[in-house]
């Protein structure tokens, strides 16, 4: 059983409420869920948000789409993940973040396949210096590994960043990295700022009507024809 946990909150410091900002008349998080749902490997998707009143509207919007929601402490994301796992038992957990409306289901599946085939505790597609575009990050960890990370969490950083222990103690974990062409981390497809949101909205406006399942290659081909979007095509740092 493979459980995907999509962490989300309304209280983003840089762009508050971004997860519900509209993309073609749907909340941004709904558009991301639509893409993640094309994964062949994920068995269940849960949105993990906080138990704060400000996130009630987010939980309601997600449940309206028939997606399970788990709520937990705002400042302890790791506890939220473990709570989601407790509520929806699984063997492996895929960590996704709700600022990635251009999520790539094929890349998600490739990372899961790597995780399973290598028997790794943890697998990801974002090793430092050879990452895929920002906004396509995927992390996969065994259920046992997630619980271990929670048991060892002894700092606010570890509680806020789910895989902090893995990244800071790599010799204690069996880790697998999905190969990528160097330099792709210069491509910015995440949504942290108003201009990021404007870019994603533009991509959806141009690609979604003709093909709801548009791919990362389709996005790159579109950006290549738009010099005004160079920041998001990898020609320079975003």
C-alpha atoms as a PDB file:
ATOM      1  CA  UNK A   1       0.000   0.000   0.000  1.00  0.00           C
ATOM      2  CA  UNK A   2       1.396   3.366  -1.074  1.00  0.00           C
ATOM      3  CA  UNK A   3      -0.026   6.454   0.577  1.00  0.00           C
ATOM      4  CA  UNK A   4       0.579   9.923  -0.821  1.00  0.00           C
ATOM      5  CA  UNK A   5       0.383  12.720   1.751  1.00  0.00           C
ATOM      6  CA  UNK A   6       0.003  16.217   0.339  1.00  0.00           C
ATOM      7  CA  UNK A   7       0.880  18.827   2.953  1.00  0.00           C
ATOM      8  CA  UNK A   8      -0.982  22.119   2.676  1.00  0.00           C
ATOM      9  CA  UNK A   9      -1.913  25.177   4.697  1.00  0.00           C
ATOM     10  CA  UNK A  10      -3.479  28.563   4.110  1.00  0.00           C
ATOM     11  CA  UNK A  11      -0.912  30.483   6.157  1.00  0.00           C
ATOM     12  CA  UNK A  12       1.951  30.605   3.674  1.00  0.00           C
ATOM     13  CA  UNK A  13       4.182  33.492   4.691  1.00  0.00           C
ATOM     14  CA  UNK A  14       5.102  34.552   1.153  1.00  0.00           C
ATOM     15  CA  UNK A  15       1.756  34.042  -0.578  1.00  0.00           C
ATOM     16  CA  UNK A  16      -1.038  33.469   1.952  1.00  0.00           C
ATOM     17  CA  UNK A  17      -3.959  31.400   0.708  1.00  0.00           C
ATOM     18  CA  UNK A  18      -2.122  30.318  -2.421  1.00  0.00           C
ATOM     19  CA  UNK A  19      -3.399  26.733  -2.298  1.00  0.00           C
ATOM     20  CA  UNK A  20      -6.947  27.958  -2.982  1.00  0.00           C
ATOM     21  CA  UNK A  21      -6.047  30.584  -5.579  1.00  0.00           C
ATOM     22  CA  UNK A  22      -8.019  29.865  -8.772  1.00  0.00           C
ATOM     23  CA  UNK A  23      -6.595  28.052 -11.778  1.00  0.00           C
ATOM     24  CA  UNK A  24      -9.208  27.797 -14.514  1.00  0.00           C
ATOM     25  CA  UNK A  25     -12.031  28.199 -11.989  1.00  0.00           C
ATOM     26  CA  UNK A  26     -10.717  25.554  -9.595  1.00  0.00           C
ATOM     27  CA  UNK A  27      -8.537  25.939  -6.478  1.00  0.00           C
ATOM     28  CA  UNK A  28      -4.859  25.425  -7.216  1.00  0.00           C
ATOM     29  CA  UNK A  29      -4.678  22.421  -4.893  1.00  0.00           C
ATOM     30  CA  UNK A  30      -7.519  20.744  -6.797  1.00  0.00           C
ATOM     31  CA  UNK A  31      -5.591  21.125 -10.045  1.00  0.00           C
ATOM     32  CA  UNK A  32      -2.549  19.546  -8.376  1.00  0.00           C
ATOM     33  CA  UNK A  33      -4.635  16.663  -7.020  1.00  0.00           C
ATOM     34  CA  UNK A  34      -6.003  16.107 -10.517  1.00  0.00           C
ATOM     35  CA  UNK A  35      -2.463  15.621 -11.807  1.00  0.00           C
ATOM     36  CA  UNK A  36      -1.303  13.480  -8.877  1.00  0.00           C
ATOM     37  CA  UNK A  37      -4.338  11.241  -9.377  1.00  0.00           C
ATOM     38  CA  UNK A  38      -2.837  10.128 -12.706  1.00  0.00           C
ATOM     39  CA  UNK A  39      -0.092   8.290 -10.844  1.00  0.00           C
ATOM     40  CA  UNK A  40      -0.294   4.543 -11.429  1.00  0.00           C
ATOM     41  CA  UNK A  41       1.565   3.724  -8.233  1.00  0.00           C
ATOM     42  CA  UNK A  42      -0.258   5.746  -5.576  1.00  0.00           C
ATOM     43  CA  UNK A  43      -3.052   3.799  -3.900  1.00  0.00           C
ATOM     44  CA  UNK A  44      -4.506   6.619  -1.787  1.00  0.00           C
ATOM     45  CA  UNK A  45      -4.062  10.367  -1.447  1.00  0.00           C
ATOM     46  CA  UNK A  46      -4.565  12.284   1.788  1.00  0.00           C
ATOM     47  CA  UNK A  47      -4.227  16.028   2.316  1.00  0.00           C
ATOM     48  CA  UNK A  48      -2.539  16.852   5.630  1.00  0.00           C
ATOM     49  CA  UNK A  49      -3.388  20.313   6.881  1.00  0.00           C
ATOM     50  CA  UNK A  50      -3.441  21.989  10.268  1.00  0.00           C
ATOM     51  CA  UNK A  51      -6.121  21.894  12.936  1.00  0.00           C
ATOM     52  CA  UNK A  52      -6.257  25.692  13.006  1.00  0.00           C
ATOM     53  CA  UNK A  53      -9.518  27.492  12.099  1.00  0.00           C
ATOM     54  CA  UNK A  54      -7.786  29.245   9.211  1.00  0.00           C
ATOM     55  CA  UNK A  55      -7.447  25.912   7.451  1.00  0.00           C
ATOM     56  CA  UNK A  56     -11.134  24.958   7.770  1.00  0.00           C
ATOM     57  CA  UNK A  57     -11.840  26.390   4.330  1.00  0.00           C
ATOM     58  CA  UNK A  58      -9.006  24.351   2.835  1.00  0.00           C
ATOM     59  CA  UNK A  59     -10.219  21.117   4.435  1.00  0.00           C
ATOM     60  CA  UNK A  60     -13.734  21.799   3.168  1.00  0.00           C
ATOM     61  CA  UNK A  61     -12.546  22.461  -0.396  1.00  0.00           C
ATOM     62  CA  UNK A  62     -10.540  19.234  -0.484  1.00  0.00           C
ATOM     63  CA  UNK A  63     -13.276  17.065   1.029  1.00  0.00           C
ATOM     64  CA  UNK A  64     -15.674  18.486  -1.548  1.00  0.00           C
ATOM     65  CA  UNK A  65     -13.517  16.741  -4.162  1.00  0.00           C
ATOM     66  CA  UNK A  66     -13.818  13.415  -2.333  1.00  0.00           C
ATOM     67  CA  UNK A  67     -10.252  13.515  -1.006  1.00  0.00           C
ATOM     68  CA  UNK A  68      -9.453  12.433   2.548  1.00  0.00           C
ATOM     69  CA  UNK A  69      -8.129  15.075   4.949  1.00  0.00           C
ATOM     70  CA  UNK A  70      -6.039  14.626   8.076  1.00  0.00           C
ATOM     71  CA  UNK A  71      -5.578  17.555  10.431  1.00  0.00           C
ATOM     72  CA  UNK A  72      -2.865  18.050  13.010  1.00  0.00           C
ATOM     73  CA  UNK A  73      -0.526  20.621  14.588  1.00  0.00           C
ATOM     74  CA  UNK A  74       0.330  23.629  12.442  1.00  0.00           C
ATOM     75  CA  UNK A  75       3.998  23.658  13.435  1.00  0.00           C
ATOM     76  CA  UNK A  76       4.569  19.898  13.557  1.00  0.00           C
ATOM     77  CA  UNK A  77       4.204  18.665   9.997  1.00  0.00           C
ATOM     78  CA  UNK A  78       5.946  15.404  10.846  1.00  0.00           C
ATOM     79  CA  UNK A  79       3.247  14.622  13.424  1.00  0.00           C
ATOM     80  CA  UNK A  80       0.629  15.378  10.782  1.00  0.00           C
ATOM     81  CA  UNK A  81       2.233  12.840   8.457  1.00  0.00           C
ATOM     82  CA  UNK A  82       2.372  10.164  11.141  1.00  0.00           C
ATOM     83  CA  UNK A  83      -1.256  10.905  11.989  1.00  0.00           C
ATOM     84  CA  UNK A  84      -2.229  10.497   8.343  1.00  0.00           C
ATOM     85  CA  UNK A  85      -0.368   7.182   8.276  1.00  0.00           C
ATOM     86  CA  UNK A  86      -2.123   6.045  11.453  1.00  0.00           C
ATOM     87  CA  UNK A  87      -5.496   6.874   9.901  1.00  0.00           C
ATOM     88  CA  UNK A  88      -4.628   5.322   6.538  1.00  0.00           C
ATOM     89  CA  UNK A  89      -2.151   2.462   7.146  1.00  0.00           C
ATOM     90  CA  UNK A  90       0.371   1.930   4.349  1.00  0.00           C
ATOM     91  CA  UNK A  91       3.778   0.412   3.691  1.00  0.00           C
ATOM     92  CA  UNK A  92       5.256   3.473   2.005  1.00  0.00           C
ATOM     93  CA  UNK A  93       4.529   7.194   2.147  1.00  0.00           C
ATOM     94  CA  UNK A  94       4.970   9.671  -0.704  1.00  0.00           C
ATOM     95  CA  UNK A  95       5.551  13.221   0.482  1.00  0.00           C
ATOM     96  CA  UNK A  96       4.198  16.001  -1.731  1.00  0.00           C
ATOM     97  CA  UNK A  97       3.714  19.710  -1.079  1.00  0.00           C
ATOM     98  CA  UNK A  98       0.740  21.801  -2.193  1.00  0.00           C
ATOM     99  CA  UNK A  99       2.728  24.519  -3.945  1.00  0.00           C
ATOM    100  CA  UNK A 100       3.348  22.302  -6.980  1.00  0.00           C
ATOM    101  CA  UNK A 101       0.344  22.510  -9.355  1.00  0.00           C
ATOM    102  CA  UNK A 102       2.486  21.244 -12.253  1.00  0.00           C
ATOM    103  CA  UNK A 103       3.261  17.954 -10.479  1.00  0.00           C
ATOM    104  CA  UNK A 104       4.392  15.227 -12.875  1.00  0.00           C
ATOM    105  CA  UNK A 105       2.661  11.845 -12.330  1.00  0.00           C
ATOM    106  CA  UNK A 106       5.252   9.995 -14.411  1.00  0.00           C
ATOM    107  CA  UNK A 107       8.033  11.427 -12.263  1.00  0.00           C
ATOM    108  CA  UNK A 108       6.150  10.478  -9.124  1.00  0.00           C
ATOM    109  CA  UNK A 109       5.847   6.901 -10.389  1.00  0.00           C
ATOM    110  CA  UNK A 110       9.507   6.754 -11.409  1.00  0.00           C
ATOM    111  CA  UNK A 111      10.562   7.813  -7.910  1.00  0.00           C
ATOM    112  CA  UNK A 112       8.265   5.239  -6.324  1.00  0.00           C
ATOM    113  CA  UNK A 113       9.603   2.543  -8.676  1.00  0.00           C
ATOM    114  CA  UNK A 114      13.162   3.445  -7.679  1.00  0.00           C
ATOM    115  CA  UNK A 115      12.251   3.310  -4.007  1.00  0.00           C
ATOM    116  CA  UNK A 116      10.673  -0.126  -4.339  1.00  0.00           C
ATOM    117  CA  UNK A 117      13.290  -1.654  -6.638  1.00  0.00           C
ATOM    118  CA  UNK A 118      16.238  -0.595  -4.466  1.00  0.00           C
ATOM    119  CA  UNK A 119      14.684  -1.409  -1.118  1.00  0.00           C
ATOM    120  CA  UNK A 120      15.672   2.043   0.078  1.00  0.00           C
ATOM    121  CA  UNK A 121      14.450   3.603   3.297  1.00  0.00           C
ATOM    122  CA  UNK A 122      14.078   6.842   1.369  1.00  0.00           C
ATOM    123  CA  UNK A 123      14.097   7.815  -2.297  1.00  0.00           C
ATOM    124  CA  UNK A 124      13.825  11.194  -3.969  1.00  0.00           C
ATOM    125  CA  UNK A 125      14.214  12.924  -7.312  1.00  0.00           C
ATOM    126  CA  UNK A 126      15.937  15.972  -5.860  1.00  0.00           C
ATOM    127  CA  UNK A 127      19.571  15.395  -4.952  1.00  0.00           C
ATOM    128  CA  UNK A 128      21.465  18.642  -4.489  1.00  0.00           C
ATOM    129  CA  UNK A 129      22.875  19.996  -7.749  1.00  0.00           C
ATOM    130  CA  UNK A 130      21.018  17.635 -10.085  1.00  0.00           C
ATOM    131  CA  UNK A 131      17.367  18.256  -9.378  1.00  0.00           C
ATOM    132  CA  UNK A 132      14.329  18.290 -11.581  1.00  0.00           C
ATOM    133  CA  UNK A 133      12.499  21.611 -11.946  1.00  0.00           C
ATOM    134  CA  UNK A 134      11.549  23.233  -8.650  1.00  0.00           C
ATOM    135  CA  UNK A 135       7.974  22.210  -8.077  1.00  0.00           C
ATOM    136  CA  UNK A 136       8.360  18.586  -9.180  1.00  0.00           C
ATOM    137  CA  UNK A 137       9.942  17.322  -5.953  1.00  0.00           C
ATOM    138  CA  UNK A 138       8.976  13.830  -4.822  1.00  0.00           C
ATOM    139  CA  UNK A 139      10.032  12.049  -1.649  1.00  0.00           C
ATOM    140  CA  UNK A 140       9.200   8.441  -0.770  1.00  0.00           C
ATOM    141  CA  UNK A 141       9.876   6.900   2.626  1.00  0.00           C
ATOM    142  CA  UNK A 142       8.930   3.603   4.204  1.00  0.00           C
ATOM    143  CA  UNK A 143       6.254   3.738   6.880  1.00  0.00           C
ATOM    144  CA  UNK A 144       8.815   2.380   9.317  1.00  0.00           C
ATOM    145  CA  UNK A 145      11.245   5.095   8.259  1.00  0.00           C
ATOM    146  CA  UNK A 146       8.667   7.829   8.775  1.00  0.00           C
ATOM    147  CA  UNK A 147       7.933   6.596  12.283  1.00  0.00           C
ATOM    148  CA  UNK A 148      11.651   6.379  12.981  1.00  0.00           C
ATOM    149  CA  UNK A 149      12.146   9.970  11.837  1.00  0.00           C
ATOM    150  CA  UNK A 150       9.318  11.062  14.127  1.00  0.00           C
ATOM    151  CA  UNK A 151      10.801   9.202  17.085  1.00  0.00           C
ATOM    152  CA  UNK A 152      14.184  10.849  16.503  1.00  0.00           C
ATOM    153  CA  UNK A 153      12.868  14.373  15.882  1.00  0.00           C
ATOM    154  CA  UNK A 154      14.507  16.564  18.507  1.00  0.00           C
ATOM    155  CA  UNK A 155      14.285  20.032  16.975  1.00  0.00           C
ATOM    156  CA  UNK A 156      11.733  22.391  15.467  1.00  0.00           C
ATOM    157  CA  UNK A 157      13.399  21.927  12.078  1.00  0.00           C
ATOM    158  CA  UNK A 158      12.923  18.164  12.276  1.00  0.00           C
ATOM    159  CA  UNK A 159       9.263  18.565  13.180  1.00  0.00           C
ATOM    160  CA  UNK A 160       8.615  21.147  10.471  1.00  0.00           C
ATOM    161  CA  UNK A 161      10.584  19.435   7.679  1.00  0.00           C
ATOM    162  CA  UNK A 162       9.402  15.834   7.481  1.00  0.00           C
ATOM    163  CA  UNK A 163      12.603  14.269   6.137  1.00  0.00           C
ATOM    164  CA  UNK A 164      15.043  16.480   8.045  1.00  0.00           C
ATOM    165  CA  UNK A 165      16.624  13.487   9.809  1.00  0.00           C
ATOM    166  CA  UNK A 166      17.283  11.707   6.507  1.00  0.00           C
ATOM    167  CA  UNK A 167      18.946  14.723   4.928  1.00  0.00           C
ATOM    168  CA  UNK A 168      21.084  15.465   7.981  1.00  0.00           C
ATOM    169  CA  UNK A 169      22.066  11.885   8.803  1.00  0.00           C
ATOM    170  CA  UNK A 170      22.465  10.261   5.374  1.00  0.00           C
ATOM    171  CA  UNK A 171      24.827   7.546   6.631  1.00  0.00           C
ATOM    172  CA  UNK A 172      22.088   6.232   8.888  1.00  0.00           C
ATOM    173  CA  UNK A 173      19.642   5.662   6.040  1.00  0.00           C
ATOM    174  CA  UNK A 174      19.588   3.680   2.817  1.00  0.00           C
ATOM    175  CA  UNK A 175      18.929   6.401   0.245  1.00  0.00           C
ATOM    176  CA  UNK A 176      18.255   6.240  -3.500  1.00  0.00           C
ATOM    177  CA  UNK A 177      18.349   9.239  -5.837  1.00  0.00           C
ATOM    178  CA  UNK A 178      16.556   9.373  -9.181  1.00  0.00           C
ATOM    179  CA  UNK A 179      19.071  10.485 -11.834  1.00  0.00           C
ATOM    180  CA  UNK A 180      18.437  13.846 -13.488  1.00  0.00           C
ATOM    181  CA  UNK A 181      20.256  16.086 -15.917  1.00  0.00           C
ATOM    182  CA  UNK A 182      22.298  18.702 -14.027  1.00  0.00           C
ATOM    183  CA  UNK A 183      20.965  22.225 -14.122  1.00  0.00           C
ATOM    184  CA  UNK A 184      17.261  21.475 -14.171  1.00  0.00           C
ATOM    185  CA  UNK A 185      16.984  23.015 -10.723  1.00  0.00           C
ATOM    186  CA  UNK A 186      17.282  26.364 -12.504  1.00  0.00           C
ATOM    187  CA  UNK A 187      13.739  25.817 -13.796  1.00  0.00           C
ATOM    188  CA  UNK A 188      11.146  27.285 -11.455  1.00  0.00           C
ATOM    189  CA  UNK A 189       7.672  25.671 -11.452  1.00  0.00           C
ATOM    190  CA  UNK A 190       6.821  26.020  -7.771  1.00  0.00           C
ATOM    191  CA  UNK A 191       4.411  28.670  -6.478  1.00  0.00           C
ATOM    192  CA  UNK A 192       5.898  30.851  -3.744  1.00  0.00           C
ATOM    193  CA  UNK A 193       5.338  34.323  -5.200  1.00  0.00           C
ATOM    194  CA  UNK A 194       2.689  36.186  -7.219  1.00  0.00           C
ATOM    195  CA  UNK A 195       4.786  35.882 -10.389  1.00  0.00           C
ATOM    196  CA  UNK A 196       5.011  32.100  -9.909  1.00  0.00           C
ATOM    197  CA  UNK A 197       1.233  31.937  -9.693  1.00  0.00           C
ATOM    198  CA  UNK A 198       0.890  34.065 -12.836  1.00  0.00           C
ATOM    199  CA  UNK A 199       3.210  31.654 -14.682  1.00  0.00           C
ATOM    200  CA  UNK A 200       1.260  28.557 -13.632  1.00  0.00           C
ATOM    201  CA  UNK A 201      -2.035  30.218 -14.561  1.00  0.00           C
ATOM    202  CA  UNK A 202      -0.593  31.032 -17.991  1.00  0.00           C
ATOM    203  CA  UNK A 203       0.528  27.431 -18.512  1.00  0.00           C
ATOM    204  CA  UNK A 204      -2.914  26.092 -17.632  1.00  0.00           C
ATOM    205  CA  UNK A 205      -4.670  28.709 -19.786  1.00  0.00           C
ATOM    206  CA  UNK A 206      -2.658  27.641 -22.831  1.00  0.00           C
ATOM    207  CA  UNK A 207      -2.252  23.879 -22.353  1.00  0.00           C
ATOM    208  CA  UNK A 208      -5.114  22.531 -20.269  1.00  0.00           C
ATOM    209  CA  UNK A 209      -8.059  23.198 -22.641  1.00  0.00           C
ATOM    210  CA  UNK A 210      -6.487  21.077 -25.381  1.00  0.00           C
ATOM    211  CA  UNK A 211      -4.971  18.392 -23.137  1.00  0.00           C
ATOM    212  CA  UNK A 212      -5.863  18.053 -19.467  1.00  0.00           C
ATOM    213  CA  UNK A 213      -2.989  15.597 -19.055  1.00  0.00           C
ATOM    214  CA  UNK A 214      -0.322  17.939 -20.445  1.00  0.00           C
ATOM    215  CA  UNK A 215       3.196  16.779 -19.583  1.00  0.00           C
ATOM    216  CA  UNK A 216       6.400  18.384 -18.364  1.00  0.00           C
ATOM    217  CA  UNK A 217       7.693  18.166 -21.936  1.00  0.00           C
ATOM    218  CA  UNK A 218       4.616  20.115 -23.086  1.00  0.00           C
ATOM    219  CA  UNK A 219       5.351  22.826 -20.518  1.00  0.00           C
ATOM    220  CA  UNK A 220       8.983  23.108 -21.611  1.00  0.00           C
ATOM    221  CA  UNK A 221       7.943  23.314 -25.277  1.00  0.00           C
ATOM    222  CA  UNK A 222       5.464  26.070 -24.442  1.00  0.00           C
ATOM    223  CA  UNK A 223       7.982  28.061 -22.395  1.00  0.00           C
ATOM    224  CA  UNK A 224      10.587  27.743 -25.183  1.00  0.00           C
ATOM    225  CA  UNK A 225       8.258  29.745 -27.432  1.00  0.00           C
ATOM    226  CA  UNK A 226       7.794  32.490 -24.837  1.00  0.00           C
ATOM    227  CA  UNK A 227      10.945  34.561 -24.154  1.00  0.00           C
ATOM    228  CA  UNK A 228       8.987  36.475 -21.515  1.00  0.00           C
ATOM    229  CA  UNK A 229       8.850  33.259 -19.471  1.00  0.00           C
ATOM    230  CA  UNK A 230      12.594  32.572 -19.550  1.00  0.00           C
ATOM    231  CA  UNK A 231      12.785  32.503 -15.740  1.00  0.00           C
ATOM    232  CA  UNK A 232      10.592  29.426 -15.782  1.00  0.00           C
ATOM    233  CA  UNK A 233      12.390  27.600 -18.544  1.00  0.00           C
ATOM    234  CA  UNK A 234      15.811  27.282 -16.973  1.00  0.00           C
ATOM    235  CA  UNK A 235      17.632  29.949 -18.991  1.00  0.00           C
ATOM    236  CA  UNK A 236      18.449  31.799 -15.769  1.00  0.00           C
ATOM    237  CA  UNK A 237      17.901  31.450 -12.070  1.00  0.00           C
ATOM    238  CA  UNK A 238      14.405  32.186 -10.771  1.00  0.00           C
END
